[in-house]
Amino acid sequence: MASVPLVDRQKVTVPDLLRMKGLEERITMITAYDATFARLVDLAGVDMILVGDSVGMVVQGEANTIPVELDEMAYHVRLVSRAKPTALIVGDLPFGSYQVSPQQAVESSIRLMKEGAECVKLEGGVVMAETIQTITRVDIPVVGHIGLTPQSFHRMGGHKVQGKKSGFEAGGRERLLEDAHAVEQAGACAVVVEGVPRDLAREITQKLSIPTIGIGAGPDCDGQVLVLHDVLGLSELTLKFTKHYADLRNGAIRATEAFIQEVRDGTWPDDQHSFH
C-alpha cells in the first residue's frame, strides 16, 4: 500500500485520539529519536511519534532506561520536532524528572513542550495521579503508562510481565485496574499499557474512556506502539512482543561490507563520483 503524502494528511491532535477510540479506529504509535526517522514514519502515516526514554537502551547502549537525563530527552524531542511531522509528538519524561514533586514534573514537562513535544508521557498509576492532574491543570496533555514500567526496573527485578497475579500490590492485577482508573480520572488523554496479559489489557480498554496504546498487551487495545528499530529489524533480538517487518540490520552489514571491499580494491570512488 502506497504511503500517504504529507500534504494530504491533517495534523493529529490530542482530541483526535478520543475521537479515534469512539470510532474504533486503531491508533498507531512508533518510537523514534531523530529527524530522519521521524520523517520516514510520518510519511508512512503513523498517528503518534513517541520520543521515548528507551533511547537509553536502543541508542545509548544502556541496560535500562534509568540513566537517561532530561537534557537528553529534550535534545531528541527537538530533533523529532524539526521533522515537522503531522503525527502527534509525545515526549517521555525520564526517571528522576518528575518523581520528586508535581512541581518538578510541571517544570520538566514545560521543558519538553518548549522543545517541540505536543504532550508528555510518564510512568505510574495511582501514585502518579496527583502529578498527572497537576501537569494537565496547566494545559499540558499527558499520556500515562502502566503495567511493565521500565523505570521500575529494579522494583520488578527486570523487565517482567505484570498483572499475572491477583492483588492490590504494585504489579498485581487489581492494582493495575486501579492504576488505569487513576490515570484516566487524573486527566490523561491516553495510556500506554505494557507487558500485561491480553485479557487484562482488554478489560482495561473496555473500562476506560481514554485510548489504550498496547505493547506486549495483546491485540485488544485501542492502538499499538513499537520501537522503530524493532520494526525495521535493526535490533539483534526478537522479543515475544516485537516484530521485525524488515531486515535492515543484515542489509546495513552487507552494504557496509560492499563499501569496504570497493575501497580496498580501488573501485570506490570511481571517475563518475570524482570532481574534475
Protein backbone atom coordinates (compact mmCIF):
# COMPACT_ATOMS: atom_id res chain seq x y z
CA MET A 1 0.00 0.00 0.00
CA ALA A 2 1.39 3.40 -1.01
CA SER A 3 2.28 5.89 1.72
CA VAL A 4 0.04 8.92 2.21
CA PRO A 5 1.70 12.22 1.10
CA LEU A 6 2.18 14.64 3.97
CA VAL A 7 0.22 17.36 2.14
CA ASP A 8 -2.89 15.17 2.24
CA ARG A 9 -2.76 14.49 5.97
CA GLN A 10 -4.28 16.59 8.71
CA LYS A 11 -2.22 17.26 11.82
CA VAL A 12 -3.02 14.69 14.51
CA THR A 13 -4.08 16.41 17.74
CA VAL A 14 -4.90 15.25 21.25
CA PRO A 15 -8.70 15.41 20.69
CA ASP A 16 -8.25 13.13 17.68
CA LEU A 17 -7.19 10.30 19.99
CA LEU A 18 -10.51 10.28 21.82
CA ARG A 19 -12.37 10.58 18.52
CA MET A 20 -10.47 7.59 17.13
CA LYS A 21 -11.36 5.48 20.17
CA GLY A 22 -15.03 6.43 19.75
CA LEU A 23 -14.94 5.41 16.09
CA GLU A 24 -12.95 2.26 16.89
CA GLU A 25 -10.12 3.41 14.63
CA ARG A 26 -6.88 1.72 15.67
CA ILE A 27 -4.17 4.18 16.75
CA THR A 28 -0.57 3.64 15.63
CA MET A 29 2.47 4.88 17.54
CA ILE A 30 6.14 4.47 16.65
CA THR A 31 9.07 5.29 18.92
CA ALA A 32 11.73 7.32 17.09
CA TYR A 33 14.56 9.56 18.21
CA ASP A 34 15.68 11.83 15.35
CA ALA A 35 14.51 13.91 12.41
CA THR A 36 15.40 11.37 9.70
CA PHE A 37 13.38 8.52 11.17
CA ALA A 38 10.59 10.87 12.27
CA ARG A 39 10.13 11.98 8.64
CA LEU A 40 10.07 8.38 7.42
CA VAL A 41 7.43 7.14 9.87
CA ASP A 42 5.39 10.28 9.28
CA LEU A 43 5.43 9.68 5.53
CA ALA A 44 4.20 6.17 6.27
CA GLY A 45 1.19 7.68 8.06
CA VAL A 46 1.78 6.89 11.75
CA ASP A 47 -0.57 8.70 14.16
CA MET A 48 1.84 9.32 17.05
CA ILE A 49 5.61 9.53 17.40
CA LEU A 50 6.91 8.70 20.85
CA VAL A 51 10.31 10.17 21.66
CA GLY A 52 10.97 7.51 24.25
CA ASP A 53 13.46 7.22 27.06
CA SER A 54 14.11 3.80 25.51
CA VAL A 55 16.76 5.82 23.65
CA GLY A 56 18.96 4.80 26.59
CA MET A 57 18.80 1.14 25.59
CA VAL A 58 18.28 1.42 21.82
CA VAL A 59 20.78 4.17 21.00
CA GLN A 60 23.00 4.71 24.04
CA GLY A 61 23.66 1.05 24.87
CA GLU A 62 22.39 1.20 28.45
CA ALA A 63 20.93 -1.85 30.21
CA ASN A 64 17.73 0.03 31.12
CA THR A 65 16.16 3.49 30.84
CA ILE A 66 17.12 4.78 34.29
CA PRO A 67 20.34 6.64 33.31
CA VAL A 68 18.59 8.84 30.69
CA GLU A 69 18.63 12.55 31.59
CA LEU A 70 16.05 15.27 30.90
CA ASP A 71 18.60 17.19 28.81
CA GLU A 72 18.98 14.13 26.57
CA MET A 73 15.23 13.77 26.15
CA ALA A 74 14.93 17.47 25.35
CA TYR A 75 17.60 17.04 22.66
CA HIS A 76 15.83 14.12 20.99
CA VAL A 77 12.42 15.80 21.19
CA ARG A 78 13.96 18.80 19.44
CA LEU A 79 15.34 16.58 16.67
CA VAL A 80 11.99 14.90 16.07
CA SER A 81 10.11 18.20 16.12
CA ARG A 82 12.40 19.55 13.38
CA ALA A 83 10.85 16.99 11.03
CA LYS A 84 7.56 18.88 11.49
CA PRO A 85 5.52 15.66 11.47
CA THR A 86 1.77 15.58 11.10
CA ALA A 87 1.88 12.82 13.72
CA LEU A 88 1.39 13.85 17.36
CA ILE A 89 4.75 14.17 19.14
CA VAL A 90 4.89 12.59 22.60
CA GLY A 91 7.92 13.33 24.78
CA ASP A 92 8.93 10.88 27.51
CA LEU A 93 9.71 12.24 30.98
CA PRO A 94 12.82 10.32 32.09
CA PHE A 95 13.44 8.82 35.52
CA GLY A 96 14.14 11.50 38.12
CA SER A 97 12.49 14.33 36.19
CA TYR A 98 9.01 14.06 37.73
CA GLN A 99 9.11 11.78 40.79
CA VAL A 100 10.33 14.41 43.29
CA SER A 101 7.17 16.53 43.21
CA PRO A 102 4.30 17.60 40.94
CA GLN A 103 6.02 20.98 40.61
CA GLN A 104 9.17 19.30 39.28
CA ALA A 105 7.00 17.33 36.85
CA VAL A 106 5.40 20.52 35.52
CA GLU A 107 8.79 22.16 35.05
CA SER A 108 10.17 19.11 33.22
CA SER A 109 7.04 18.93 31.05
CA ILE A 110 7.36 22.60 30.14
CA ARG A 111 10.96 21.92 29.09
CA LEU A 112 9.90 19.17 26.67
CA MET A 113 6.97 21.22 25.33
CA LYS A 114 9.28 24.13 24.56
CA GLU A 115 11.47 21.71 22.57
CA GLY A 116 8.51 20.62 20.43
CA ALA A 117 6.60 17.94 22.33
CA GLU A 118 2.83 18.16 21.98
CA CYS A 119 2.16 16.02 25.04
CA VAL A 120 4.31 14.23 27.61
CA LYS A 121 4.35 10.66 28.87
CA LEU A 122 5.13 9.45 32.37
CA GLU A 123 5.04 6.09 34.14
CA GLY A 124 2.90 5.12 37.10
CA GLY A 125 -0.75 4.86 38.07
CA VAL A 126 -2.26 5.57 41.48
CA VAL A 127 0.94 7.07 42.89
CA MET A 128 1.24 9.46 39.92
CA ALA A 129 -2.38 10.59 39.80
CA GLU A 130 -1.70 13.90 41.57
CA THR A 131 1.28 14.54 39.30
CA ILE A 132 -0.75 13.89 36.15
CA GLN A 133 -3.52 16.14 37.44
CA THR A 134 -1.05 18.94 38.19
CA ILE A 135 0.50 18.76 34.71
CA THR A 136 -2.85 18.71 32.93
CA ARG A 137 -4.04 21.63 35.07
CA VAL A 138 -1.59 23.85 33.16
CA ASP A 139 -2.92 22.53 29.84
CA ILE A 140 -0.10 20.13 29.08
CA PRO A 141 -1.59 16.84 27.75
CA VAL A 142 -0.34 13.68 29.45
CA VAL A 143 -0.10 10.09 28.22
CA GLY A 144 0.04 7.65 31.12
CA HIS A 145 1.98 4.38 31.22
CA ILE A 146 1.03 1.38 33.39
CA GLY A 147 1.90 -2.30 33.61
CA LEU A 148 5.52 -3.07 32.81
CA THR A 149 7.03 0.34 33.55
CA PRO A 150 10.71 0.24 32.51
CA GLN A 151 11.72 2.91 35.05
CA SER A 152 10.63 0.43 37.76
CA PHE A 153 13.29 -1.99 36.50
CA HIS A 154 14.80 -2.68 39.92
CA ARG A 155 11.48 -2.98 41.78
CA MET A 156 10.23 -5.53 39.21
CA GLY A 157 13.55 -7.41 39.15
CA GLY A 158 13.92 -6.78 35.42
CA HIS A 159 11.53 -6.31 32.53
CA LYS A 160 8.79 -8.72 33.62
CA VAL A 161 5.14 -9.15 32.66
CA GLN A 162 2.84 -7.52 35.22
CA GLY A 163 -0.72 -8.34 36.26
CA LYS A 164 -0.38 -12.11 36.17
CA LYS A 165 -1.17 -12.47 39.85
CA SER A 166 -4.18 -11.20 41.72
CA GLY A 167 -3.56 -8.48 44.28
CA PHE A 168 -3.54 -4.77 45.06
CA GLU A 169 0.22 -4.53 45.49
CA ALA A 170 2.36 -2.97 42.74
CA GLY A 171 2.15 -5.24 39.69
CA GLY A 172 -0.95 -7.07 40.88
CA ARG A 173 -3.98 -7.44 38.62
CA GLU A 174 -6.39 -5.43 40.77
CA ARG A 175 -3.74 -2.77 41.31
CA LEU A 176 -3.34 -2.34 37.55
CA LEU A 177 -7.08 -1.83 37.18
CA GLU A 178 -6.84 0.82 39.89
CA ASP A 179 -3.83 2.36 38.12
CA ALA A 180 -5.74 2.60 34.84
CA HIS A 181 -8.72 4.23 36.52
CA ALA A 182 -6.49 6.69 38.42
CA VAL A 183 -4.67 7.76 35.25
CA GLU A 184 -7.98 8.35 33.47
CA GLN A 185 -9.50 10.29 36.38
CA ALA A 186 -6.38 12.43 36.70
CA GLY A 187 -6.93 13.72 33.18
CA ALA A 188 -4.57 11.74 30.95
CA CYS A 189 -5.51 11.77 27.26
CA ALA A 190 -4.32 8.18 26.68
CA VAL A 191 -2.42 5.44 28.46
CA VAL A 192 0.27 3.02 27.34
CA VAL A 193 -0.38 -0.48 28.65
CA GLU A 194 2.81 -2.54 28.54
CA GLY A 195 3.62 -6.13 29.34
CA VAL A 196 0.32 -7.40 30.75
CA PRO A 197 -1.83 -10.45 29.92
CA ARG A 198 -4.17 -9.99 26.97
CA ASP A 199 -7.38 -10.44 28.97
CA LEU A 200 -6.35 -7.77 31.48
CA ALA A 201 -5.47 -5.30 28.71
CA ARG A 202 -8.85 -5.97 27.12
CA GLU A 203 -10.65 -5.34 30.41
CA ILE A 204 -8.75 -2.09 30.95
CA THR A 205 -9.54 -0.96 27.40
CA GLN A 206 -13.22 -1.68 27.81
CA LYS A 207 -13.44 0.17 31.12
CA LEU A 208 -11.58 3.33 30.12
CA SER A 209 -12.98 6.25 28.15
CA ILE A 210 -9.46 7.23 27.03
CA PRO A 211 -7.48 5.24 24.44
CA THR A 212 -5.13 2.46 25.46
CA ILE A 213 -1.91 2.00 23.49
CA GLY A 214 -0.59 -1.52 23.87
CA ILE A 215 2.86 -3.03 23.71
CA GLY A 216 3.13 -6.62 24.82
CA ALA A 217 -0.53 -6.37 25.85
CA GLY A 218 -2.32 -8.24 23.07
CA PRO A 219 -4.46 -7.02 20.16
CA ASP A 220 -7.45 -5.67 22.08
CA CYS A 221 -6.05 -2.24 22.98
CA ASP A 222 -7.18 0.85 21.07
CA GLY A 223 -3.74 1.19 19.50
CA GLN A 224 -0.26 -0.29 19.37
CA VAL A 225 3.28 1.04 19.75
CA LEU A 226 6.62 -0.42 18.70
CA VAL A 227 10.15 0.95 18.64
CA LEU A 228 11.18 1.75 15.06
CA HIS A 229 14.45 -0.14 15.43
CA ASP A 230 12.41 -3.30 16.08
CA VAL A 231 10.03 -2.60 13.18
CA LEU A 232 12.98 -2.20 10.80
CA GLY A 233 14.83 -5.25 12.09
CA LEU A 234 17.78 -3.20 13.31
CA SER A 235 17.67 -4.85 16.73
CA GLU A 236 19.62 -8.04 17.34
CA LEU A 237 16.87 -9.61 19.44
CA THR A 238 13.30 -10.53 18.56
CA LEU A 239 11.17 -10.38 21.69
CA LYS A 240 7.77 -12.02 22.15
CA PHE A 241 6.00 -8.67 21.89
CA THR A 242 8.00 -7.22 18.97
CA LYS A 243 8.08 -7.96 15.25
CA HIS A 244 10.67 -7.26 12.57
CA TYR A 245 8.81 -6.01 9.48
CA ALA A 246 12.12 -5.67 7.60
CA ASP A 247 15.72 -6.89 7.94
CA LEU A 248 17.73 -3.68 7.75
CA ARG A 249 20.35 -4.93 10.19
CA ASN A 250 21.72 -7.53 7.79
CA GLY A 251 21.14 -5.15 4.88
CA ALA A 252 23.25 -2.49 6.61
CA ILE A 253 26.02 -5.01 7.29
CA ARG A 254 26.04 -6.16 3.66
CA ALA A 255 26.07 -2.58 2.35
CA THR A 256 29.00 -1.68 4.61
CA GLU A 257 30.87 -4.83 3.56
CA ALA A 258 30.41 -3.80 -0.09
CA PHE A 259 31.80 -0.32 0.66
CA ILE A 260 34.81 -1.78 2.46
CA GLN A 261 35.51 -4.15 -0.43
CA GLU A 262 35.32 -1.40 -3.07
CA VAL A 263 37.65 0.87 -1.07
CA ARG A 264 40.13 -1.94 -0.65
CA ASP A 265 40.11 -2.99 -4.30
CA GLY A 266 40.29 0.61 -5.53
CA THR A 267 36.93 0.76 -7.33
CA TRP A 268 35.49 3.43 -4.98
CA PRO A 269 35.34 6.26 -5.64
CA ASP A 270 35.25 5.91 -9.43
CA ASP A 271 35.61 8.68 -12.00
CA GLN A 272 31.87 9.35 -12.07
CA HIS A 273 31.90 10.20 -8.39
CA SER A 274 35.01 12.40 -8.58
CA PHE A 275 35.28 16.15 -9.22
CA HIS A 276 37.09 17.47 -12.29
